[in-house]
Amino acid sequence: MNICITGASKGIGKALSEQLIARGHTVWGVSRSEDILRGMSQTLPATLWRASVVDVLDASAIARWADDVDHTNFQPDCIVLNASVQQNDILDTYDHHAGDENLRVNLGGALACVGAFQPLFHKRGIGRFVAIASTVALRPSMRSASYAASKAGIVMAFRTLRLRYAPEGIRFSLAILGPIATEMWEGKTHWLVPAPKKAATALASFITSGGETLYYPFLSTAMLRCSRRLSDGLFAAISAKILKS
C-alpha cells in the first residue's frame, strides 16, 4: 500500500510510519518539523519513505503536497490524518487563541487534507481516509474544551462524509483512541495508557485490514463507552483517580 501520514515526525505518527514501513508499505510522511523528518530520512529506507515539510494550518501547502503526490504518480491508497495539537484553553477564563489553534489544526487541517486529496481518489474511483480521533469526542476533557470539540467534530464529519461518498468508492474510517503515553499525555504511566509503539501496531493492522472504526485500547475505550449513563462530573472524578493512581 501507498500511505500518506500527517504529523509523521512525533509520537504515534512517527511510530506508525516506522511500523508500516517495517511491514513493506510505502509511506509519505509530512510534518512541520523539518529537522526530525530529515533524521527519519537518514534511517528509513529511501525506497519506502518520502517526506515533505507541510503545516496543516496552511491550506496552500496541503494543496501543493497533494499536487506533488499526484505528479510523482505515488497513487495513495490511504491518507492518515494524524496531525494534532492539544493546547490548554481552560485557564482563569477561556483562552480563545489556544482554542482556535486546536480547532484549526485538529479539525480544519484534517478536512483541508480531505478536500485536497479527494479529487485523486475520485479519479481512481477508490481511496480511504483514516482520521485519528479520541475518546474525548465522547467525554469532555478537563484540559481543553476546544480539543474535545475538535475531536467530536472530526468524528461527526467523517460519519457524514462516509454516508455521502461510500457509493463512490471513497471510505472514511475512524480510529478512536483512549489515553496514549505520547508527549501530549500529562498523566502518569499506567497499565491503561499504552506506549505509542503499541498504539501504532494496532493502527497499522487497522489501516491495512480496511476496517471502518477502531477503538483502542480495547479495555479503556470499552469502559468509557459503557460509562455513558454516568454524569460528566462523576465520570471525571472516577477517571482522574484511576489514571493518576
C-alpha atoms as a PDB file:
ATOM      1  CA  MET A   1       0.000   0.000   0.000  1.00  0.00           C
ATOM      2  CA  ASN A   2       0.948   3.651  -0.516  1.00  0.00           C
ATOM      3  CA  ILE A   3       0.057   5.600   2.631  1.00  0.00           C
ATOM      4  CA  CYS A   4       0.276   9.323   3.429  1.00  0.00           C
ATOM      5  CA  ILE A   5       0.529  10.376   7.078  1.00  0.00           C
ATOM      6  CA  THR A   6       0.265  13.844   8.594  1.00  0.00           C
ATOM      7  CA  GLY A   7       2.073  14.585  11.847  1.00  0.00           C
ATOM      8  CA  ALA A   8       4.603  11.881  10.969  1.00  0.00           C
ATOM      9  CA  SER A   9       7.559  13.218  12.961  1.00  0.00           C
ATOM     10  CA  LYS A  10       6.391  12.577  16.532  1.00  0.00           C
ATOM     11  CA  GLY A  11       4.546  10.179  18.805  1.00  0.00           C
ATOM     12  CA  ILE A  12       2.003   7.953  17.140  1.00  0.00           C
ATOM     13  CA  GLY A  13       2.658   9.359  13.662  1.00  0.00           C
ATOM     14  CA  LYS A  14       6.369   8.535  13.784  1.00  0.00           C
ATOM     15  CA  ALA A  15       5.798   5.097  15.302  1.00  0.00           C
ATOM     16  CA  LEU A  16       3.085   4.354  12.733  1.00  0.00           C
ATOM     17  CA  SER A  17       5.332   5.382   9.830  1.00  0.00           C
ATOM     18  CA  GLU A  18       8.049   3.039  11.095  1.00  0.00           C
ATOM     19  CA  GLN A  19       5.589   0.176  11.663  1.00  0.00           C
ATOM     20  CA  LEU A  20       4.077   0.423   8.184  1.00  0.00           C
ATOM     21  CA  ILE A  21       7.478   0.601   6.519  1.00  0.00           C
ATOM     22  CA  ALA A  22       8.607  -2.439   8.512  1.00  0.00           C
ATOM     23  CA  ARG A  23       5.613  -4.263   7.015  1.00  0.00           C
ATOM     24  CA  GLY A  24       6.707  -3.331   3.497  1.00  0.00           C
ATOM     25  CA  HIS A  25       4.349  -0.419   2.788  1.00  0.00           C
ATOM     26  CA  THR A  26       5.424   2.869   1.232  1.00  0.00           C
ATOM     27  CA  VAL A  27       4.861   5.944   3.404  1.00  0.00           C
ATOM     28  CA  TRP A  28       4.856   9.635   2.524  1.00  0.00           C
ATOM     29  CA  GLY A  29       5.063  11.454   5.825  1.00  0.00           C
ATOM     30  CA  VAL A  30       4.600  15.159   6.426  1.00  0.00           C
ATOM     31  CA  SER A  31       5.192  17.408   9.396  1.00  0.00           C
ATOM     32  CA  ARG A  32       6.284  20.971  10.120  1.00  0.00           C
ATOM     33  CA  SER A  33       9.402  19.609  11.907  1.00  0.00           C
ATOM     34  CA  GLU A  34      11.966  19.632   9.100  1.00  0.00           C
ATOM     35  CA  ASP A  35      14.904  18.506  11.252  1.00  0.00           C
ATOM     36  CA  ILE A  36      13.097  15.424  12.545  1.00  0.00           C
ATOM     37  CA  LEU A  37      11.923  14.456   9.063  1.00  0.00           C
ATOM     38  CA  ARG A  38      15.494  14.787   7.814  1.00  0.00           C
ATOM     39  CA  GLY A  39      16.679  12.482  10.583  1.00  0.00           C
ATOM     40  CA  MET A  40      13.999   9.934   9.735  1.00  0.00           C
ATOM     41  CA  SER A  41      15.063  10.032   6.097  1.00  0.00           C
ATOM     42  CA  GLN A  42      18.571   9.011   7.179  1.00  0.00           C
ATOM     43  CA  THR A  43      17.350   5.890   8.989  1.00  0.00           C
ATOM     44  CA  LEU A  44      14.340   4.734   6.953  1.00  0.00           C
ATOM     45  CA  PRO A  45      14.744   3.006   3.562  1.00  0.00           C
ATOM     46  CA  ALA A  46      14.552   5.509   0.708  1.00  0.00           C
ATOM     47  CA  THR A  47      12.547   3.071  -1.404  1.00  0.00           C
ATOM     48  CA  LEU A  48       9.708   3.053   1.155  1.00  0.00           C
ATOM     49  CA  TRP A  49       9.873   6.526   2.742  1.00  0.00           C
ATOM     50  CA  ARG A  50       9.253  10.018   1.423  1.00  0.00           C
ATOM     51  CA  ALA A  51       8.941  13.176   3.471  1.00  0.00           C
ATOM     52  CA  SER A  52       7.716  16.730   2.965  1.00  0.00           C
ATOM     53  CA  VAL A  53       7.536  19.734   5.271  1.00  0.00           C
ATOM     54  CA  VAL A  54       3.853  20.639   5.456  1.00  0.00           C
ATOM     55  CA  ASP A  55       1.986  22.652   8.077  1.00  0.00           C
ATOM     56  CA  VAL A  56      -1.664  21.574   8.065  1.00  0.00           C
ATOM     57  CA  LEU A  57      -2.599  25.099   9.129  1.00  0.00           C
ATOM     58  CA  ASP A  58      -1.592  26.173   5.610  1.00  0.00           C
ATOM     59  CA  ALA A  59      -4.201  25.038   3.089  1.00  0.00           C
ATOM     60  CA  SER A  60      -1.998  26.092   0.178  1.00  0.00           C
ATOM     61  CA  ALA A  61       0.849  23.893   1.497  1.00  0.00           C
ATOM     62  CA  ILE A  62      -1.562  20.953   1.722  1.00  0.00           C
ATOM     63  CA  ALA A  63      -2.672  21.601  -1.868  1.00  0.00           C
ATOM     64  CA  ARG A  64       0.966  21.678  -3.057  1.00  0.00           C
ATOM     65  CA  TRP A  65       1.618  18.388  -1.254  1.00  0.00           C
ATOM     66  CA  ALA A  66      -1.389  16.792  -2.946  1.00  0.00           C
ATOM     67  CA  ASP A  67      -0.105  18.050  -6.321  1.00  0.00           C
ATOM     68  CA  ASP A  68       3.341  16.584  -5.608  1.00  0.00           C
ATOM     69  CA  VAL A  69       1.773  13.242  -4.706  1.00  0.00           C
ATOM     70  CA  ASP A  70      -0.269  13.287  -7.904  1.00  0.00           C
ATOM     71  CA  HIS A  71       2.562  14.361 -10.219  1.00  0.00           C
ATOM     72  CA  THR A  72       5.010  11.778  -8.850  1.00  0.00           C
ATOM     73  CA  ASN A  73       2.410   9.070  -9.515  1.00  0.00           C
ATOM     74  CA  PHE A  74       2.512   7.947  -5.864  1.00  0.00           C
ATOM     75  CA  GLN A  75      -1.170   6.924  -6.062  1.00  0.00           C
ATOM     76  CA  PRO A  76      -2.035   6.863  -2.351  1.00  0.00           C
ATOM     77  CA  ASP A  77      -4.333   4.140  -1.110  1.00  0.00           C
ATOM     78  CA  CYS A  78      -4.871   5.771   2.270  1.00  0.00           C
ATOM     79  CA  ILE A  79      -4.448   9.221   3.845  1.00  0.00           C
ATOM     80  CA  VAL A  80      -3.935   9.069   7.629  1.00  0.00           C
ATOM     81  CA  LEU A  81      -4.942  12.329   9.307  1.00  0.00           C
ATOM     82  CA  ASN A  82      -2.867  12.191  12.465  1.00  0.00           C
ATOM     83  CA  ALA A  83      -1.555  15.754  12.957  1.00  0.00           C
ATOM     84  CA  SER A  84      -2.935  17.128  16.208  1.00  0.00           C
ATOM     85  CA  VAL A  85      -2.270  19.658  18.959  1.00  0.00           C
ATOM     86  CA  GLN A  86      -3.710  19.934  22.454  1.00  0.00           C
ATOM     87  CA  GLN A  87      -3.354  23.438  23.837  1.00  0.00           C
ATOM     88  CA  ASN A  88      -4.809  24.023  27.291  1.00  0.00           C
ATOM     89  CA  ASP A  89      -7.585  26.586  26.809  1.00  0.00           C
ATOM     90  CA  ILE A  90      -9.214  26.221  30.246  1.00  0.00           C
ATOM     91  CA  LEU A  91      -7.454  28.831  32.382  1.00  0.00           C
ATOM     92  CA  ASP A  92      -8.910  31.596  34.572  1.00  0.00           C
ATOM     93  CA  THR A  93     -11.006  32.371  31.512  1.00  0.00           C
ATOM     94  CA  TYR A  94     -11.325  30.541  28.216  1.00  0.00           C
ATOM     95  CA  ASP A  95      -8.201  31.110  26.080  1.00  0.00           C
ATOM     96  CA  HIS A  96      -9.583  31.685  22.598  1.00  0.00           C
ATOM     97  CA  HIS A  97      -6.138  31.841  20.958  1.00  0.00           C
ATOM     98  CA  ALA A  98      -5.203  28.366  22.213  1.00  0.00           C
ATOM     99  CA  GLY A  99      -8.673  27.061  21.431  1.00  0.00           C
ATOM    100  CA  ASP A 100      -8.566  28.407  17.895  1.00  0.00           C
ATOM    101  CA  GLU A 101      -5.288  26.594  17.195  1.00  0.00           C
ATOM    102  CA  ASN A 102      -6.748  23.300  18.430  1.00  0.00           C
ATOM    103  CA  LEU A 103      -9.733  23.645  16.137  1.00  0.00           C
ATOM    104  CA  ARG A 104      -7.726  24.828  13.122  1.00  0.00           C
ATOM    105  CA  VAL A 105      -5.180  22.013  13.319  1.00  0.00           C
ATOM    106  CA  ASN A 106      -7.273  19.075  14.505  1.00  0.00           C
ATOM    107  CA  LEU A 107     -10.455  19.765  12.562  1.00  0.00           C
ATOM    108  CA  GLY A 108      -9.682  22.376   9.914  1.00  0.00           C
ATOM    109  CA  GLY A 109      -6.351  20.856   8.894  1.00  0.00           C
ATOM    110  CA  ALA A 110      -7.806  17.354   8.655  1.00  0.00           C
ATOM    111  CA  LEU A 111     -10.704  18.490   6.478  1.00  0.00           C
ATOM    112  CA  ALA A 112      -8.357  20.578   4.317  1.00  0.00           C
ATOM    113  CA  CYS A 113      -6.464  17.354   3.586  1.00  0.00           C
ATOM    114  CA  VAL A 114      -9.731  15.662   2.652  1.00  0.00           C
ATOM    115  CA  GLY A 115     -10.526  18.480   0.236  1.00  0.00           C
ATOM    116  CA  ALA A 116      -7.052  18.350  -1.330  1.00  0.00           C
ATOM    117  CA  PHE A 117      -6.765  14.574  -1.756  1.00  0.00           C
ATOM    118  CA  GLN A 118     -10.325  13.572  -2.529  1.00  0.00           C
ATOM    119  CA  PRO A 119     -10.007  14.522  -6.230  1.00  0.00           C
ATOM    120  CA  LEU A 120      -7.153  11.995  -6.534  1.00  0.00           C
ATOM    121  CA  PHE A 121      -9.404   9.291  -5.134  1.00  0.00           C
ATOM    122  CA  HIS A 122     -12.254  10.345  -7.424  1.00  0.00           C
ATOM    123  CA  LYS A 123     -10.022   9.867 -10.464  1.00  0.00           C
ATOM    124  CA  ARG A 124      -9.250   6.307  -9.391  1.00  0.00           C
ATOM    125  CA  GLY A 125     -12.717   5.534  -8.037  1.00  0.00           C
ATOM    126  CA  ILE A 126     -11.255   4.281  -4.765  1.00  0.00           C
ATOM    127  CA  GLY A 127      -9.435   5.588  -1.707  1.00  0.00           C
ATOM    128  CA  ARG A 128      -9.569   5.811   2.045  1.00  0.00           C
ATOM    129  CA  PHE A 129      -9.127   8.480   4.695  1.00  0.00           C
ATOM    130  CA  VAL A 130      -8.355   7.477   8.285  1.00  0.00           C
ATOM    131  CA  ALA A 131      -8.787  10.108  10.998  1.00  0.00           C
ATOM    132  CA  ILE A 132      -7.050   9.641  14.344  1.00  0.00           C
ATOM    133  CA  ALA A 133      -9.751  10.728  16.784  1.00  0.00           C
ATOM    134  CA  SER A 134     -10.025  10.469  20.565  1.00  0.00           C
ATOM    135  CA  THR A 135     -12.382   9.322  23.286  1.00  0.00           C
ATOM    136  CA  VAL A 136     -12.678  12.993  24.289  1.00  0.00           C
ATOM    137  CA  ALA A 137     -15.106  13.089  21.373  1.00  0.00           C
ATOM    138  CA  LEU A 138     -17.380  11.050  23.653  1.00  0.00           C
ATOM    139  CA  ARG A 139     -16.497  12.589  27.020  1.00  0.00           C
ATOM    140  CA  PRO A 140     -15.367  16.158  27.846  1.00  0.00           C
ATOM    141  CA  SER A 141     -11.718  16.926  28.528  1.00  0.00           C
ATOM    142  CA  MET A 142     -10.711  18.756  31.715  1.00  0.00           C
ATOM    143  CA  ARG A 143      -7.722  20.272  29.882  1.00  0.00           C
ATOM    144  CA  SER A 144      -9.274  21.731  26.786  1.00  0.00           C
ATOM    145  CA  ALA A 145     -12.800  22.476  25.647  1.00  0.00           C
ATOM    146  CA  SER A 146     -11.713  23.079  22.056  1.00  0.00           C
ATOM    147  CA  TYR A 147      -9.643  19.886  21.839  1.00  0.00           C
ATOM    148  CA  ALA A 148     -12.702  17.848  22.793  1.00  0.00           C
ATOM    149  CA  ALA A 149     -14.791  19.854  20.315  1.00  0.00           C
ATOM    150  CA  SER A 150     -12.237  19.306  17.525  1.00  0.00           C
ATOM    151  CA  LYS A 151     -12.216  15.541  18.019  1.00  0.00           C
ATOM    152  CA  ALA A 152     -16.005  15.366  18.255  1.00  0.00           C
ATOM    153  CA  GLY A 153     -16.123  17.459  15.095  1.00  0.00           C
ATOM    154  CA  ILE A 154     -13.890  15.164  13.076  1.00  0.00           C
ATOM    155  CA  VAL A 155     -15.856  12.118  14.230  1.00  0.00           C
ATOM    156  CA  MET A 156     -19.151  13.599  13.068  1.00  0.00           C
ATOM    157  CA  ALA A 157     -17.605  14.984   9.876  1.00  0.00           C
ATOM    158  CA  PHE A 158     -16.265  11.553   8.942  1.00  0.00           C
ATOM    159  CA  ARG A 159     -19.537   9.846   9.714  1.00  0.00           C
ATOM    160  CA  THR A 160     -21.260  12.329   7.408  1.00  0.00           C
ATOM    161  CA  LEU A 161     -18.647  12.012   4.651  1.00  0.00           C
ATOM    162  CA  ARG A 162     -18.868   8.238   4.956  1.00  0.00           C
ATOM    163  CA  LEU A 163     -22.574   8.340   4.169  1.00  0.00           C
ATOM    164  CA  ARG A 164     -22.141  10.727   1.250  1.00  0.00           C
ATOM    165  CA  TYR A 165     -19.161   9.215  -0.557  1.00  0.00           C
ATOM    166  CA  ALA A 166     -19.259   5.475   0.201  1.00  0.00           C
ATOM    167  CA  PRO A 167     -21.246   4.830  -3.014  1.00  0.00           C
ATOM    168  CA  GLU A 168     -18.380   6.448  -4.939  1.00  0.00           C
ATOM    169  CA  GLY A 169     -15.732   4.124  -3.503  1.00  0.00           C
ATOM    170  CA  ILE A 170     -14.207   6.638  -1.086  1.00  0.00           C
ATOM    171  CA  ARG A 171     -14.095   5.467   2.514  1.00  0.00           C
ATOM    172  CA  PHE A 172     -13.806   7.423   5.753  1.00  0.00           C
ATOM    173  CA  SER A 173     -12.545   5.426   8.731  1.00  0.00           C
ATOM    174  CA  LEU A 174     -12.139   6.477  12.361  1.00  0.00           C
ATOM    175  CA  ALA A 175      -9.532   5.371  14.891  1.00  0.00           C
ATOM    176  CA  ILE A 176     -10.853   6.490  18.284  1.00  0.00           C
ATOM    177  CA  LEU A 177      -8.035   6.316  20.793  1.00  0.00           C
ATOM    178  CA  GLY A 178      -8.076   6.370  24.554  1.00  0.00           C
ATOM    179  CA  PRO A 179      -5.113   7.759  26.547  1.00  0.00           C
ATOM    180  CA  ILE A 180      -1.737   7.028  24.916  1.00  0.00           C
ATOM    181  CA  ALA A 181       1.624   7.863  26.532  1.00  0.00           C
ATOM    182  CA  THR A 182       2.703  10.475  23.985  1.00  0.00           C
ATOM    183  CA  GLU A 183       4.165  13.872  24.876  1.00  0.00           C
ATOM    184  CA  MET A 184       0.597  15.212  24.924  1.00  0.00           C
ATOM    185  CA  TRP A 185      -0.271  12.900  27.830  1.00  0.00           C
ATOM    186  CA  GLU A 186       0.265  14.615  31.177  1.00  0.00           C
ATOM    187  CA  GLY A 187      -0.856  11.798  33.467  1.00  0.00           C
ATOM    188  CA  LYS A 188       1.286   9.070  34.972  1.00  0.00           C
ATOM    189  CA  THR A 189       2.373   5.988  33.047  1.00  0.00           C
ATOM    190  CA  HIS A 190      -0.378   3.474  33.671  1.00  0.00           C
ATOM    191  CA  TRP A 191      -1.406   0.000  32.548  1.00  0.00           C
ATOM    192  CA  LEU A 192      -4.401   1.606  30.843  1.00  0.00           C
ATOM    193  CA  VAL A 193      -2.110   4.019  28.966  1.00  0.00           C
ATOM    194  CA  PRO A 194      -0.031   2.143  26.362  1.00  0.00           C
ATOM    195  CA  ALA A 195       3.101   3.434  24.649  1.00  0.00           C
ATOM    196  CA  PRO A 196       2.870   4.959  21.134  1.00  0.00           C
ATOM    197  CA  LYS A 197       4.523   1.884  19.600  1.00  0.00           C
ATOM    198  CA  LYS A 198       1.734  -0.360  20.865  1.00  0.00           C
ATOM    199  CA  ALA A 199      -0.877   2.041  19.536  1.00  0.00           C
ATOM    200  CA  ALA A 200       0.954   2.160  16.205  1.00  0.00           C
ATOM    201  CA  THR A 201       0.856  -1.637  15.957  1.00  0.00           C
ATOM    202  CA  ALA A 202      -2.926  -1.625  16.364  1.00  0.00           C
ATOM    203  CA  LEU A 203      -3.293   1.259  13.917  1.00  0.00           C
ATOM    204  CA  ALA A 204      -1.081  -0.390  11.292  1.00  0.00           C
ATOM    205  CA  SER A 205      -3.227  -3.521  11.381  1.00  0.00           C
ATOM    206  CA  PHE A 206      -6.399  -1.423  11.205  1.00  0.00           C
ATOM    207  CA  ILE A 207      -5.138   0.570   8.230  1.00  0.00           C
ATOM    208  CA  THR A 208      -4.039  -2.460   6.243  1.00  0.00           C
ATOM    209  CA  SER A 209      -7.119  -4.526   7.089  1.00  0.00           C
ATOM    210  CA  GLY A 210      -9.544  -1.847   5.910  1.00  0.00           C
ATOM    211  CA  GLY A 211     -11.791  -1.584   8.961  1.00  0.00           C
ATOM    212  CA  GLU A 212     -14.365   1.162   9.474  1.00  0.00           C
ATOM    213  CA  THR A 213     -13.915   2.076  13.151  1.00  0.00           C
ATOM    214  CA  LEU A 214     -11.196   1.166  15.636  1.00  0.00           C
ATOM    215  CA  TYR A 215     -11.437   1.690  19.388  1.00  0.00           C
ATOM    216  CA  TYR A 216      -8.033   1.382  21.082  1.00  0.00           C
ATOM    217  CA  PRO A 217      -7.031   0.374  23.726  1.00  0.00           C
ATOM    218  CA  PHE A 218      -9.953  -2.018  23.885  1.00  0.00           C
ATOM    219  CA  LEU A 219     -10.384  -2.043  27.659  1.00  0.00           C
ATOM    220  CA  SER A 220     -10.240   1.687  28.372  1.00  0.00           C
ATOM    221  CA  THR A 221     -12.402   2.606  25.389  1.00  0.00           C
ATOM    222  CA  ALA A 222     -14.937  -0.127  26.250  1.00  0.00           C
ATOM    223  CA  MET A 223     -15.117   1.116  29.837  1.00  0.00           C
ATOM    224  CA  LEU A 224     -15.659   4.653  28.611  1.00  0.00           C
ATOM    225  CA  ARG A 225     -18.425   3.711  26.197  1.00  0.00           C
ATOM    226  CA  CYS A 226     -20.166   1.725  28.936  1.00  0.00           C
ATOM    227  CA  SER A 227     -19.985   4.707  31.280  1.00  0.00           C
ATOM    228  CA  ARG A 228     -22.220   6.996  29.265  1.00  0.00           C
ATOM    229  CA  ARG A 229     -25.002   6.792  31.842  1.00  0.00           C
ATOM    230  CA  LEU A 230     -22.727   8.446  34.405  1.00  0.00           C
ATOM    231  CA  SER A 231     -22.794  12.225  34.727  1.00  0.00           C
ATOM    232  CA  ASP A 232     -19.789  14.073  33.313  1.00  0.00           C
ATOM    233  CA  GLY A 233     -18.771  15.182  36.789  1.00  0.00           C
ATOM    234  CA  LEU A 234     -18.850  11.696  38.278  1.00  0.00           C
ATOM    235  CA  PHE A 235     -17.015  10.199  35.316  1.00  0.00           C
ATOM    236  CA  ALA A 236     -14.295  12.865  35.510  1.00  0.00           C
ATOM    237  CA  ALA A 237     -13.766  12.211  39.208  1.00  0.00           C
ATOM    238  CA  ILE A 238     -13.535   8.436  38.770  1.00  0.00           C
ATOM    239  CA  SER A 239     -11.239   8.557  35.735  1.00  0.00           C
ATOM    240  CA  ALA A 240      -8.915  11.061  37.430  1.00  0.00           C
ATOM    241  CA  LYS A 241      -8.410   8.674  40.345  1.00  0.00           C
ATOM    242  CA  ILE A 242      -7.798   5.694  38.072  1.00  0.00           C
ATOM    243  CA  LEU A 243      -5.339   7.385  35.736  1.00  0.00           C
ATOM    244  CA  LYS A 244      -3.351   9.161  38.443  1.00  0.00           C
ATOM    245  CA  SER A 245      -3.060   6.213  40.813  1.00  0.00           C
END
